[in-house]
Amino acid sequence: MATHISFPDIGQFRNAIRSIKDRTRYIGKDSNGDPVYDGNKDLPIVKYVGHVKLHGTNFAIGFDPVTKEVWYQSRERICTIDYDNSGVVLFFTRLLSEHTELIHELFAPFNNGVDKILIYGEWCGKGIQKNVAISSLPKMVVIFNVRVGDNWVALDKWKDLKFPQYSIYNIQDYKKFELTIDFNHPELVQNDIVKLVEDVEHECPVGKAFGIEGIGEGIVWCPVEEQYAKGEFWFKTKGEKHSISKVKTLVPIDVEAVTCLNDFITNTVTEARCEQSITKLKEAHKPLDRTSMGEFIRWIYTDIVKEEVDTAVASNIELSKIGGPVANAAKKWFFANEDKFSS
């Protein structure tokens, strides 16, 4: 039976950062059933690959290996000839009536005989969207993901899935981009992302491959490692001409300033200073547990502002910007050492 399985909404870079943090630091649930996170855990370094985000309409063709049923869908609904999505159902209906063997060729690489298979792509070209390079091309399908049951298929398993003779292409055949993101300092790749998106917006690599000049929409980023092959870890970046709001457009950062701030935090939120804050809690007869976290952080912050002004000035660091990083570093130390001083 046809089952609509919508392609997930792809979030922004900040959403992927939050998802990586939650996945890495989640350790279970408390007695009330609320999630518990270990803020002391370091975050992973993850390799990402980016593909050009095409400006068309999302569609999928599905196959049930048990019933042999084929169906079509948009992001929101099952589609039919009478309830089409910009003509993609008509396109496939005509194609498969003339080339019946194509169904087997499409799904055979992923057919385990049990789980439903969905091949997702962008239906794009003349008359579907406008103001991008690919809008000048004949209508075509560009495959960008495959799902079997509840699992997304690894990129290398569907890189050869294409039938250009039938105007069915594969996004992996076009220019791709690579990033290695240290999620402990994700802001350090932001300038690289901005530059790559600007390049795509200036000249769409997919359009260029077909001999058409014009702008592109942006980039979709997916982790290479299979353990992160879930929608919540993907993210998209668009140029200003396609962003719904300026908030969603990444802006360049001063990498040197970020590095200086990180070094300043490392050199000031030290073992000695954290231990001294614990001593201050003891002197004030405060409980040495998480209920005193606020006072623990507050003493460290106040002491740094008092003692390290000259260091901050020499490094061109604004003291107004150190509050959050100091708190994070102090909290991490507290979590890593609480068993020692709370026993």
C-alpha atoms as a PDB file:
ATOM      1  CA  MET A   1       0.000   0.000   0.000  1.00  0.00           C
ATOM      2  CA  ALA A   2       1.279   3.460  -0.887  1.00  0.00           C
ATOM      3  CA  THR A   3       2.696   5.177   2.175  1.00  0.00           C
ATOM      4  CA  HIS A   4       3.504   8.866   2.196  1.00  0.00           C
ATOM      5  CA  ILE A   5       6.888   9.406   3.838  1.00  0.00           C
ATOM      6  CA  SER A   6       7.720  13.063   3.587  1.00  0.00           C
ATOM      7  CA  PHE A   7      11.261  14.192   2.958  1.00  0.00           C
ATOM      8  CA  PRO A   8      12.332  15.973   6.171  1.00  0.00           C
ATOM      9  CA  ASP A   9      12.586  19.720   6.374  1.00  0.00           C
ATOM     10  CA  ILE A  10      16.287  20.531   6.334  1.00  0.00           C
ATOM     11  CA  GLY A  11      17.244  22.983   9.032  1.00  0.00           C
ATOM     12  CA  GLN A  12      19.888  25.669   9.340  1.00  0.00           C
ATOM     13  CA  PHE A  13      23.476  25.212  10.500  1.00  0.00           C
ATOM     14  CA  ARG A  14      22.490  26.143  14.039  1.00  0.00           C
ATOM     15  CA  ASN A  15      19.889  23.348  14.067  1.00  0.00           C
ATOM     16  CA  ALA A  16      22.494  20.772  13.068  1.00  0.00           C
ATOM     17  CA  ILE A  17      24.827  22.038  15.819  1.00  0.00           C
ATOM     18  CA  ARG A  18      22.063  21.613  18.398  1.00  0.00           C
ATOM     19  CA  SER A  19      21.227  18.114  17.148  1.00  0.00           C
ATOM     20  CA  ILE A  20      24.876  17.012  17.270  1.00  0.00           C
ATOM     21  CA  LYS A  21      25.174  18.347  20.824  1.00  0.00           C
ATOM     22  CA  ASP A  22      22.018  16.576  21.971  1.00  0.00           C
ATOM     23  CA  ARG A  23      22.972  13.285  20.292  1.00  0.00           C
ATOM     24  CA  THR A  24      26.493  13.315  21.733  1.00  0.00           C
ATOM     25  CA  ARG A  25      25.691  14.412  25.271  1.00  0.00           C
ATOM     26  CA  TYR A  26      22.460  12.514  25.859  1.00  0.00           C
ATOM     27  CA  ILE A  27      22.966   9.878  28.587  1.00  0.00           C
ATOM     28  CA  GLY A  28      19.410   8.825  29.395  1.00  0.00           C
ATOM     29  CA  LYS A  29      16.369  10.025  31.327  1.00  0.00           C
ATOM     30  CA  ASP A  30      15.846  11.010  34.930  1.00  0.00           C
ATOM     31  CA  SER A  31      13.184   9.697  37.277  1.00  0.00           C
ATOM     32  CA  ASN A  32      10.650  12.097  35.736  1.00  0.00           C
ATOM     33  CA  GLY A  33      11.351  10.876  32.232  1.00  0.00           C
ATOM     34  CA  ASP A  34      13.155  14.075  31.222  1.00  0.00           C
ATOM     35  CA  PRO A  35      16.329  13.803  29.116  1.00  0.00           C
ATOM     36  CA  VAL A  36      19.689  14.052  30.870  1.00  0.00           C
ATOM     37  CA  TYR A  37      22.787  15.393  29.138  1.00  0.00           C
ATOM     38  CA  ASP A  38      26.461  15.231  30.055  1.00  0.00           C
ATOM     39  CA  GLY A  39      27.762  18.687  29.229  1.00  0.00           C
ATOM     40  CA  ASN A  40      31.329  17.529  29.840  1.00  0.00           C
ATOM     41  CA  LYS A  41      31.452  15.339  26.740  1.00  0.00           C
ATOM     42  CA  ASP A  42      33.509  16.682  23.875  1.00  0.00           C
ATOM     43  CA  LEU A  43      31.656  17.033  20.602  1.00  0.00           C
ATOM     44  CA  PRO A  44      32.679  15.105  17.485  1.00  0.00           C
ATOM     45  CA  ILE A  45      34.561  16.186  14.395  1.00  0.00           C
ATOM     46  CA  VAL A  46      32.297  15.288  11.467  1.00  0.00           C
ATOM     47  CA  LYS A  47      33.013  15.220   7.746  1.00  0.00           C
ATOM     48  CA  TYR A  48      30.293  16.738   5.573  1.00  0.00           C
ATOM     49  CA  VAL A  49      29.710  16.718   1.849  1.00  0.00           C
ATOM     50  CA  GLY A  50      27.664  19.474   0.218  1.00  0.00           C
ATOM     51  CA  HIS A  51      25.641  19.260  -2.973  1.00  0.00           C
ATOM     52  CA  VAL A  52      24.000  22.046  -4.933  1.00  0.00           C
ATOM     53  CA  LYS A  53      20.494  22.818  -3.689  1.00  0.00           C
ATOM     54  CA  LEU A  54      18.201  22.883  -6.712  1.00  0.00           C
ATOM     55  CA  HIS A  55      15.266  25.244  -7.024  1.00  0.00           C
ATOM     56  CA  GLY A  56      12.369  23.094  -8.230  1.00  0.00           C
ATOM     57  CA  THR A  57       9.767  20.958  -6.472  1.00  0.00           C
ATOM     58  CA  ASN A  58      10.413  18.036  -4.137  1.00  0.00           C
ATOM     59  CA  PHE A  59       9.073  14.655  -5.229  1.00  0.00           C
ATOM     60  CA  ALA A  60       9.600  10.939  -4.584  1.00  0.00           C
ATOM     61  CA  ILE A  61       8.817   7.738  -6.409  1.00  0.00           C
ATOM     62  CA  GLY A  62       8.041   4.849  -4.063  1.00  0.00           C
ATOM     63  CA  PHE A  63       8.041   1.076  -4.481  1.00  0.00           C
ATOM     64  CA  ASP A  64       6.638  -1.705  -2.291  1.00  0.00           C
ATOM     65  CA  PRO A  65       8.622  -4.931  -2.935  1.00  0.00           C
ATOM     66  CA  VAL A  66       5.815  -7.060  -1.491  1.00  0.00           C
ATOM     67  CA  THR A  67       2.857  -5.706  -3.460  1.00  0.00           C
ATOM     68  CA  LYS A  68       4.941  -4.347  -6.376  1.00  0.00           C
ATOM     69  CA  GLU A  69       3.012  -1.097  -6.095  1.00  0.00           C
ATOM     70  CA  VAL A  70       4.555   2.110  -7.402  1.00  0.00           C
ATOM     71  CA  TRP A  71       3.444   5.529  -6.203  1.00  0.00           C
ATOM     72  CA  TYR A  72       4.459   9.183  -6.434  1.00  0.00           C
ATOM     73  CA  GLN A  73       4.450  11.907  -3.831  1.00  0.00           C
ATOM     74  CA  SER A  74       5.255  15.540  -3.196  1.00  0.00           C
ATOM     75  CA  ARG A  75       6.570  16.666   0.166  1.00  0.00           C
ATOM     76  CA  GLU A  76       2.991  16.968   1.428  1.00  0.00           C
ATOM     77  CA  ARG A  77       0.882  14.257  -0.262  1.00  0.00           C
ATOM     78  CA  ILE A  78       0.479  11.260  -2.527  1.00  0.00           C
ATOM     79  CA  CYS A  79       0.219  12.429  -6.145  1.00  0.00           C
ATOM     80  CA  THR A  80      -1.701  11.053  -9.118  1.00  0.00           C
ATOM     81  CA  ILE A  81      -2.226  11.990 -12.745  1.00  0.00           C
ATOM     82  CA  ASP A  82      -5.327  13.915 -11.702  1.00  0.00           C
ATOM     83  CA  TYR A  83      -3.623  15.422  -8.680  1.00  0.00           C
ATOM     84  CA  ASP A  84      -0.128  15.962 -10.051  1.00  0.00           C
ATOM     85  CA  ASN A  85       2.867  17.927  -8.837  1.00  0.00           C
ATOM     86  CA  SER A  86       3.953  20.179 -11.710  1.00  0.00           C
ATOM     87  CA  GLY A  87       3.723  17.277 -14.161  1.00  0.00           C
ATOM     88  CA  VAL A  88       6.149  14.821 -12.545  1.00  0.00           C
ATOM     89  CA  VAL A  89       3.566  12.022 -12.316  1.00  0.00           C
ATOM     90  CA  LEU A  90       2.707  12.433 -15.989  1.00  0.00           C
ATOM     91  CA  PHE A  91       6.425  12.351 -16.813  1.00  0.00           C
ATOM     92  CA  PHE A  92       6.972   9.038 -15.018  1.00  0.00           C
ATOM     93  CA  THR A  93       3.714   7.490 -16.199  1.00  0.00           C
ATOM     94  CA  ARG A  94       4.655   8.037 -19.825  1.00  0.00           C
ATOM     95  CA  LEU A  95       8.253   6.968 -19.256  1.00  0.00           C
ATOM     96  CA  LEU A  96       7.403   3.724 -17.466  1.00  0.00           C
ATOM     97  CA  SER A  97       4.720   2.781 -19.979  1.00  0.00           C
ATOM     98  CA  GLU A  98       7.365   2.899 -22.721  1.00  0.00           C
ATOM     99  CA  HIS A  99      10.220   1.442 -20.656  1.00  0.00           C
ATOM    100  CA  THR A 100       8.767  -1.088 -18.220  1.00  0.00           C
ATOM    101  CA  GLU A 101      12.210  -2.413 -17.309  1.00  0.00           C
ATOM    102  CA  LEU A 102      13.064   0.925 -15.723  1.00  0.00           C
ATOM    103  CA  ILE A 103      11.152   0.102 -12.520  1.00  0.00           C
ATOM    104  CA  HIS A 104      13.450  -2.832 -11.862  1.00  0.00           C
ATOM    105  CA  GLU A 105      16.544  -0.775 -12.694  1.00  0.00           C
ATOM    106  CA  LEU A 106      15.488   2.018 -10.359  1.00  0.00           C
ATOM    107  CA  PHE A 107      14.793  -0.103  -7.290  1.00  0.00           C
ATOM    108  CA  ALA A 108      16.809  -3.321  -7.694  1.00  0.00           C
ATOM    109  CA  PRO A 109      19.982  -1.954  -5.989  1.00  0.00           C
ATOM    110  CA  PHE A 110      18.003  -1.334  -2.771  1.00  0.00           C
ATOM    111  CA  ASN A 111      15.430  -4.155  -2.860  1.00  0.00           C
ATOM    112  CA  ASN A 112      15.636  -6.285   0.259  1.00  0.00           C
ATOM    113  CA  GLY A 113      12.251  -7.819  -0.473  1.00  0.00           C
ATOM    114  CA  VAL A 114      10.596  -6.308   2.596  1.00  0.00           C
ATOM    115  CA  ASP A 115      11.047  -2.587   3.202  1.00  0.00           C
ATOM    116  CA  LYS A 116       9.428   0.121   1.129  1.00  0.00           C
ATOM    117  CA  ILE A 117      11.862   2.078  -1.028  1.00  0.00           C
ATOM    118  CA  LEU A 118      11.621   5.771  -1.837  1.00  0.00           C
ATOM    119  CA  ILE A 119      13.833   7.623  -4.290  1.00  0.00           C
ATOM    120  CA  TYR A 120      13.744  11.359  -3.647  1.00  0.00           C
ATOM    121  CA  GLY A 121      14.612  14.012  -6.166  1.00  0.00           C
ATOM    122  CA  GLU A 122      14.008  17.489  -7.477  1.00  0.00           C
ATOM    123  CA  TRP A 123      11.664  17.954 -10.431  1.00  0.00           C
ATOM    124  CA  CYS A 124      13.049  21.080 -12.033  1.00  0.00           C
ATOM    125  CA  GLY A 125      13.411  22.997 -15.264  1.00  0.00           C
ATOM    126  CA  LYS A 126      11.316  25.343 -17.402  1.00  0.00           C
ATOM    127  CA  GLY A 127       7.994  26.369 -15.887  1.00  0.00           C
ATOM    128  CA  ILE A 128       8.583  24.935 -12.396  1.00  0.00           C
ATOM    129  CA  GLN A 129      10.533  27.743 -10.725  1.00  0.00           C
ATOM    130  CA  LYS A 130      12.168  30.903 -12.050  1.00  0.00           C
ATOM    131  CA  ASN A 131      15.133  33.228 -11.603  1.00  0.00           C
ATOM    132  CA  VAL A 132      17.768  30.455 -11.420  1.00  0.00           C
ATOM    133  CA  ALA A 133      20.020  28.903 -14.048  1.00  0.00           C
ATOM    134  CA  ILE A 134      18.233  25.549 -14.164  1.00  0.00           C
ATOM    135  CA  SER A 135      14.942  27.296 -14.951  1.00  0.00           C
ATOM    136  CA  SER A 136      16.189  27.557 -18.540  1.00  0.00           C
ATOM    137  CA  LEU A 137      16.659  23.796 -18.894  1.00  0.00           C
ATOM    138  CA  PRO A 138      14.110  21.230 -20.106  1.00  0.00           C
ATOM    139  CA  LYS A 139      12.235  19.543 -17.265  1.00  0.00           C
ATOM    140  CA  MET A 140      14.272  16.863 -15.580  1.00  0.00           C
ATOM    141  CA  VAL A 141      14.605  14.733 -12.450  1.00  0.00           C
ATOM    142  CA  VAL A 142      17.685  15.058 -10.236  1.00  0.00           C
ATOM    143  CA  ILE A 143      17.945  12.333  -7.575  1.00  0.00           C
ATOM    144  CA  PHE A 144      19.270  13.528  -4.236  1.00  0.00           C
ATOM    145  CA  ASN A 145      18.476  10.786  -1.699  1.00  0.00           C
ATOM    146  CA  VAL A 146      17.211   7.229  -1.216  1.00  0.00           C
ATOM    147  CA  ARG A 147      15.410   5.718   1.745  1.00  0.00           C
ATOM    148  CA  VAL A 148      14.788   2.037   2.503  1.00  0.00           C
ATOM    149  CA  GLY A 149      12.325   1.474   5.327  1.00  0.00           C
ATOM    150  CA  ASP A 150      13.358   3.804   8.138  1.00  0.00           C
ATOM    151  CA  ASN A 151      16.945   4.260   6.982  1.00  0.00           C
ATOM    152  CA  TRP A 152      18.619   6.701   4.622  1.00  0.00           C
ATOM    153  CA  VAL A 153      20.955   4.987   2.184  1.00  0.00           C
ATOM    154  CA  ALA A 154      24.617   6.013   2.355  1.00  0.00           C
ATOM    155  CA  LEU A 155      25.748   8.385  -0.401  1.00  0.00           C
ATOM    156  CA  ASP A 156      28.095   5.912  -2.064  1.00  0.00           C
ATOM    157  CA  LYS A 157      25.320   3.335  -2.416  1.00  0.00           C
ATOM    158  CA  TRP A 158      23.266   5.452  -4.847  1.00  0.00           C
ATOM    159  CA  LYS A 159      25.941   7.537  -6.596  1.00  0.00           C
ATOM    160  CA  ASP A 160      25.418   5.582  -9.857  1.00  0.00           C
ATOM    161  CA  LEU A 161      21.616   5.816  -9.842  1.00  0.00           C
ATOM    162  CA  LYS A 162      20.863   7.816 -12.990  1.00  0.00           C
ATOM    163  CA  PHE A 163      19.335   7.446 -16.446  1.00  0.00           C
ATOM    164  CA  PRO A 164      20.356  10.556 -18.397  1.00  0.00           C
ATOM    165  CA  GLN A 165      18.831   9.120 -21.571  1.00  0.00           C
ATOM    166  CA  TYR A 166      15.472   9.584 -19.821  1.00  0.00           C
ATOM    167  CA  SER A 167      16.324  12.974 -18.209  1.00  0.00           C
ATOM    168  CA  ILE A 168      16.949  11.364 -14.812  1.00  0.00           C
ATOM    169  CA  TYR A 169      20.187  12.654 -13.268  1.00  0.00           C
ATOM    170  CA  ASN A 170      22.071  12.326  -9.993  1.00  0.00           C
ATOM    171  CA  ILE A 171      23.100  15.294  -7.842  1.00  0.00           C
ATOM    172  CA  GLN A 172      26.368  13.536  -6.967  1.00  0.00           C
ATOM    173  CA  ASP A 173      27.566  13.927 -10.565  1.00  0.00           C
ATOM    174  CA  TYR A 174      27.903  17.678 -10.169  1.00  0.00           C
ATOM    175  CA  LYS A 175      30.304  19.833  -8.221  1.00  0.00           C
ATOM    176  CA  LYS A 176      30.397  18.906  -4.564  1.00  0.00           C
ATOM    177  CA  PHE A 177      31.905  20.545  -1.522  1.00  0.00           C
ATOM    178  CA  GLU A 178      33.628  19.113   1.540  1.00  0.00           C
ATOM    179  CA  LEU A 179      33.863  20.373   5.110  1.00  0.00           C
ATOM    180  CA  THR A 180      35.303  18.949   8.299  1.00  0.00           C
ATOM    181  CA  ILE A 181      33.388  20.481  11.192  1.00  0.00           C
ATOM    182  CA  ASP A 182      34.708  20.446  14.742  1.00  0.00           C
ATOM    183  CA  PHE A 183      31.451  20.858  16.628  1.00  0.00           C
ATOM    184  CA  ASN A 184      33.343  22.105  19.677  1.00  0.00           C
ATOM    185  CA  HIS A 185      34.074  25.223  17.566  1.00  0.00           C
ATOM    186  CA  PRO A 186      31.629  25.096  14.637  1.00  0.00           C
ATOM    187  CA  GLU A 187      31.883  28.830  14.044  1.00  0.00           C
ATOM    188  CA  LEU A 188      35.350  28.342  12.581  1.00  0.00           C
ATOM    189  CA  VAL A 189      33.948  26.882   9.345  1.00  0.00           C
ATOM    190  CA  GLN A 190      31.388  29.624   8.896  1.00  0.00           C
ATOM    191  CA  ASN A 191      33.530  31.738   6.576  1.00  0.00           C
ATOM    192  CA  ASP A 192      34.197  28.712   4.375  1.00  0.00           C
ATOM    193  CA  ILE A 193      30.462  28.042   4.124  1.00  0.00           C
ATOM    194  CA  VAL A 194      29.698  31.672   3.290  1.00  0.00           C
ATOM    195  CA  LYS A 195      32.286  31.699   0.494  1.00  0.00           C
ATOM    196  CA  LEU A 196      31.023  28.446  -1.046  1.00  0.00           C
ATOM    197  CA  VAL A 197      27.401  29.600  -0.975  1.00  0.00           C
ATOM    198  CA  GLU A 198      28.347  32.913  -2.583  1.00  0.00           C
ATOM    199  CA  ASP A 199      30.119  31.001  -5.358  1.00  0.00           C
ATOM    200  CA  VAL A 200      27.057  28.808  -6.005  1.00  0.00           C
ATOM    201  CA  GLU A 201      24.726  31.787  -6.005  1.00  0.00           C
ATOM    202  CA  HIS A 202      26.991  33.585  -8.461  1.00  0.00           C
ATOM    203  CA  GLU A 203      27.124  30.598 -10.825  1.00  0.00           C
ATOM    204  CA  CYS A 204      25.086  27.419 -10.429  1.00  0.00           C
ATOM    205  CA  PRO A 205      27.374  24.388 -10.993  1.00  0.00           C
ATOM    206  CA  VAL A 206      24.463  22.252 -12.240  1.00  0.00           C
ATOM    207  CA  GLY A 207      23.359  24.881 -14.731  1.00  0.00           C
ATOM    208  CA  LYS A 208      26.960  25.307 -15.848  1.00  0.00           C
ATOM    209  CA  ALA A 209      27.272  21.545 -16.448  1.00  0.00           C
ATOM    210  CA  PHE A 210      24.416  21.858 -18.951  1.00  0.00           C
ATOM    211  CA  GLY A 211      25.930  24.944 -20.571  1.00  0.00           C
ATOM    212  CA  ILE A 212      23.645  27.457 -18.848  1.00  0.00           C
ATOM    213  CA  GLU A 213      24.959  30.467 -16.917  1.00  0.00           C
ATOM    214  CA  GLY A 214      22.987  31.863 -14.011  1.00  0.00           C
ATOM    215  CA  ILE A 215      22.559  31.884 -10.264  1.00  0.00           C
ATOM    216  CA  GLY A 216      22.132  28.917  -7.949  1.00  0.00           C
ATOM    217  CA  GLU A 217      20.102  28.572  -4.777  1.00  0.00           C
ATOM    218  CA  GLY A 218      22.527  27.232  -2.197  1.00  0.00           C
ATOM    219  CA  ILE A 219      24.051  24.060  -0.760  1.00  0.00           C
ATOM    220  CA  VAL A 220      22.666  21.093   1.197  1.00  0.00           C
ATOM    221  CA  TRP A 221      25.169  19.527   3.603  1.00  0.00           C
ATOM    222  CA  CYS A 222      25.057  15.872   4.700  1.00  0.00           C
ATOM    223  CA  PRO A 223      27.452  13.978   7.003  1.00  0.00           C
ATOM    224  CA  VAL A 224      29.607  11.359   5.318  1.00  0.00           C
ATOM    225  CA  GLU A 225      29.655   8.965   8.288  1.00  0.00           C
ATOM    226  CA  GLU A 226      26.741   6.550   8.357  1.00  0.00           C
ATOM    227  CA  GLN A 227      26.132   7.067  12.094  1.00  0.00           C
ATOM    228  CA  TYR A 228      25.015  10.633  11.306  1.00  0.00           C
ATOM    229  CA  ALA A 229      22.926   9.731   8.238  1.00  0.00           C
ATOM    230  CA  LYS A 230      19.752  11.241   9.685  1.00  0.00           C
ATOM    231  CA  GLY A 231      17.852  14.316   8.632  1.00  0.00           C
ATOM    232  CA  GLU A 232      18.419  16.172  11.889  1.00  0.00           C
ATOM    233  CA  PHE A 233      22.157  16.361  11.148  1.00  0.00           C
ATOM    234  CA  TRP A 234      21.742  17.765   7.629  1.00  0.00           C
ATOM    235  CA  PHE A 235      21.638  21.492   7.041  1.00  0.00           C
ATOM    236  CA  LYS A 236      21.172  23.919   4.185  1.00  0.00           C
ATOM    237  CA  THR A 237      22.767  27.242   3.414  1.00  0.00           C
ATOM    238  CA  LYS A 238      21.308  29.690   0.927  1.00  0.00           C
ATOM    239  CA  GLY A 239      22.518  32.884  -0.648  1.00  0.00           C
ATOM    240  CA  GLU A 240      20.836  36.183   0.200  1.00  0.00           C
ATOM    241  CA  LYS A 241      18.678  36.124  -2.953  1.00  0.00           C
ATOM    242  CA  HIS A 242      16.993  32.903  -1.808  1.00  0.00           C
ATOM    243  CA  SER A 243      16.930  33.363   1.952  1.00  0.00           C
ATOM    244  CA  ILE A 244      13.494  33.938   3.433  1.00  0.00           C
ATOM    245  CA  SER A 245      15.047  36.245   6.010  1.00  0.00           C
ATOM    246  CA  LYS A 246      18.449  37.764   6.660  1.00  0.00           C
ATOM    247  CA  VAL A 247      18.577  35.766   9.907  1.00  0.00           C
ATOM    248  CA  LYS A 248      18.927  32.551   7.897  1.00  0.00           C
ATOM    249  CA  THR A 249      21.864  33.841   5.874  1.00  0.00           C
ATOM    250  CA  LEU A 250      25.234  33.013   7.411  1.00  0.00           C
ATOM    251  CA  VAL A 251      27.490  36.019   7.730  1.00  0.00           C
ATOM    252  CA  PRO A 252      31.292  36.044   7.726  1.00  0.00           C
ATOM    253  CA  ILE A 253      33.071  36.028  11.065  1.00  0.00           C
ATOM    254  CA  ASP A 254      36.490  37.180  12.232  1.00  0.00           C
ATOM    255  CA  VAL A 255      38.250  33.823  12.625  1.00  0.00           C
ATOM    256  CA  GLU A 256      41.265  35.425  14.315  1.00  0.00           C
ATOM    257  CA  ALA A 257      38.997  37.040  16.906  1.00  0.00           C
ATOM    258  CA  VAL A 258      37.226  33.735  17.597  1.00  0.00           C
ATOM    259  CA  THR A 259      40.562  31.953  17.989  1.00  0.00           C
ATOM    260  CA  CYS A 260      41.820  34.653  20.358  1.00  0.00           C
ATOM    261  CA  LEU A 261      38.670  34.377  22.452  1.00  0.00           C
ATOM    262  CA  ASN A 262      38.973  30.575  22.631  1.00  0.00           C
ATOM    263  CA  ASP A 263      42.619  30.878  23.698  1.00  0.00           C
ATOM    264  CA  PHE A 264      41.701  33.499  26.293  1.00  0.00           C
ATOM    265  CA  ILE A 265      39.067  31.199  27.813  1.00  0.00           C
ATOM    266  CA  THR A 266      41.500  28.261  27.879  1.00  0.00           C
ATOM    267  CA  ASN A 267      44.136  30.391  29.622  1.00  0.00           C
ATOM    268  CA  THR A 268      41.819  31.977  32.203  1.00  0.00           C
ATOM    269  CA  VAL A 269      39.283  29.298  33.131  1.00  0.00           C
ATOM    270  CA  THR A 270      42.091  27.227  34.585  1.00  0.00           C
ATOM    271  CA  GLU A 271      42.198  24.314  36.988  1.00  0.00           C
ATOM    272  CA  ALA A 272      43.542  26.587  39.713  1.00  0.00           C
ATOM    273  CA  ARG A 273      40.840  29.225  39.248  1.00  0.00           C
ATOM    274  CA  CYS A 274      38.057  26.616  39.253  1.00  0.00           C
ATOM    275  CA  GLU A 275      39.444  25.000  42.419  1.00  0.00           C
ATOM    276  CA  GLN A 276      39.629  28.429  44.041  1.00  0.00           C
ATOM    277  CA  SER A 277      35.953  28.962  43.243  1.00  0.00           C
ATOM    278  CA  ILE A 278      35.161  25.663  44.988  1.00  0.00           C
ATOM    279  CA  THR A 279      37.125  26.908  48.001  1.00  0.00           C
ATOM    280  CA  LYS A 280      35.013  30.090  48.019  1.00  0.00           C
ATOM    281  CA  LEU A 281      31.835  27.971  48.039  1.00  0.00           C
ATOM    282  CA  LYS A 282      33.139  26.008  51.025  1.00  0.00           C
ATOM    283  CA  GLU A 283      34.016  29.195  52.904  1.00  0.00           C
ATOM    284  CA  ALA A 284      30.475  30.471  52.285  1.00  0.00           C
ATOM    285  CA  HIS A 285      29.049  27.109  53.491  1.00  0.00           C
ATOM    286  CA  LYS A 286      27.393  26.534  50.147  1.00  0.00           C
ATOM    287  CA  PRO A 287      26.495  23.003  49.027  1.00  0.00           C
ATOM    288  CA  LEU A 288      29.114  21.545  46.683  1.00  0.00           C
ATOM    289  CA  ASP A 289      26.638  20.354  44.102  1.00  0.00           C
ATOM    290  CA  ARG A 290      24.839  21.672  41.047  1.00  0.00           C
ATOM    291  CA  THR A 291      22.565  23.907  43.104  1.00  0.00           C
ATOM    292  CA  SER A 292      25.605  26.157  43.582  1.00  0.00           C
ATOM    293  CA  MET A 293      26.529  26.186  39.901  1.00  0.00           C
ATOM    294  CA  GLY A 294      25.471  29.807  39.411  1.00  0.00           C
ATOM    295  CA  GLU A 295      27.658  31.085  42.251  1.00  0.00           C
ATOM    296  CA  PHE A 296      30.564  28.890  41.123  1.00  0.00           C
ATOM    297  CA  ILE A 297      30.467  30.431  37.632  1.00  0.00           C
ATOM    298  CA  ARG A 298      29.822  33.929  38.928  1.00  0.00           C
ATOM    299  CA  TRP A 299      32.986  33.949  41.096  1.00  0.00           C
ATOM    300  CA  ILE A 300      35.136  32.725  38.200  1.00  0.00           C
ATOM    301  CA  TYR A 301      33.716  35.342  35.842  1.00  0.00           C
ATOM    302  CA  THR A 302      34.170  38.159  38.377  1.00  0.00           C
ATOM    303  CA  ASP A 303      37.726  37.085  39.134  1.00  0.00           C
ATOM    304  CA  ILE A 304      38.646  36.980  35.441  1.00  0.00           C
ATOM    305  CA  VAL A 305      37.220  40.461  34.849  1.00  0.00           C
ATOM    306  CA  LYS A 306      39.181  41.730  37.852  1.00  0.00           C
ATOM    307  CA  GLU A 307      42.486  40.001  37.184  1.00  0.00           C
ATOM    308  CA  GLU A 308      42.719  39.584  33.406  1.00  0.00           C
ATOM    309  CA  VAL A 309      41.791  42.994  31.992  1.00  0.00           C
ATOM    310  CA  ASP A 310      45.282  43.611  30.653  1.00  0.00           C
ATOM    311  CA  THR A 311      45.316  40.213  28.891  1.00  0.00           C
ATOM    312  CA  ALA A 312      41.941  40.918  27.304  1.00  0.00           C
ATOM    313  CA  VAL A 313      43.000  44.368  26.115  1.00  0.00           C
ATOM    314  CA  ALA A 314      46.231  42.999  24.642  1.00  0.00           C
ATOM    315  CA  SER A 315      44.218  40.387  22.717  1.00  0.00           C
ATOM    316  CA  ASN A 316      41.556  42.892  21.548  1.00  0.00           C
ATOM    317  CA  ILE A 317      38.867  40.939  23.423  1.00  0.00           C
ATOM    318  CA  GLU A 318      35.757  42.740  24.608  1.00  0.00           C
ATOM    319  CA  LEU A 319      34.900  41.685  28.165  1.00  0.00           C
ATOM    320  CA  SER A 320      31.230  41.946  27.271  1.00  0.00           C
ATOM    321  CA  LYS A 321      31.695  38.876  25.051  1.00  0.00           C
ATOM    322  CA  ILE A 322      33.298  36.492  27.521  1.00  0.00           C
ATOM    323  CA  GLY A 323      30.293  35.719  29.743  1.00  0.00           C
ATOM    324  CA  GLY A 324      28.889  32.786  27.776  1.00  0.00           C
ATOM    325  CA  PRO A 325      32.242  31.135  26.941  1.00  0.00           C
ATOM    326  CA  VAL A 326      33.432  31.472  30.553  1.00  0.00           C
ATOM    327  CA  ALA A 327      30.208  29.895  31.810  1.00  0.00           C
ATOM    328  CA  ASN A 328      30.475  26.997  29.371  1.00  0.00           C
ATOM    329  CA  ALA A 329      34.093  26.257  30.249  1.00  0.00           C
ATOM    330  CA  ALA A 330      33.457  26.545  33.996  1.00  0.00           C
ATOM    331  CA  LYS A 331      30.414  24.298  33.782  1.00  0.00           C
ATOM    332  CA  LYS A 332      32.388  21.699  31.837  1.00  0.00           C
ATOM    333  CA  TRP A 333      35.085  21.653  34.546  1.00  0.00           C
ATOM    334  CA  PHE A 334      32.450  21.410  37.287  1.00  0.00           C
ATOM    335  CA  PHE A 335      30.748  18.399  35.666  1.00  0.00           C
ATOM    336  CA  ALA A 336      34.085  16.648  35.133  1.00  0.00           C
ATOM    337  CA  ASN A 337      35.130  17.073  38.767  1.00  0.00           C
ATOM    338  CA  GLU A 338      31.949  17.092  40.840  1.00  0.00           C
ATOM    339  CA  ASP A 339      32.478  13.537  42.091  1.00  0.00           C
ATOM    340  CA  LYS A 340      35.725  14.656  43.738  1.00  0.00           C
ATOM    341  CA  PHE A 341      34.452  17.622  45.701  1.00  0.00           C
ATOM    342  CA  SER A 342      30.842  16.589  46.318  1.00  0.00           C
ATOM    343  CA  SER A 343      31.691  13.313  48.085  1.00  0.00           C
END
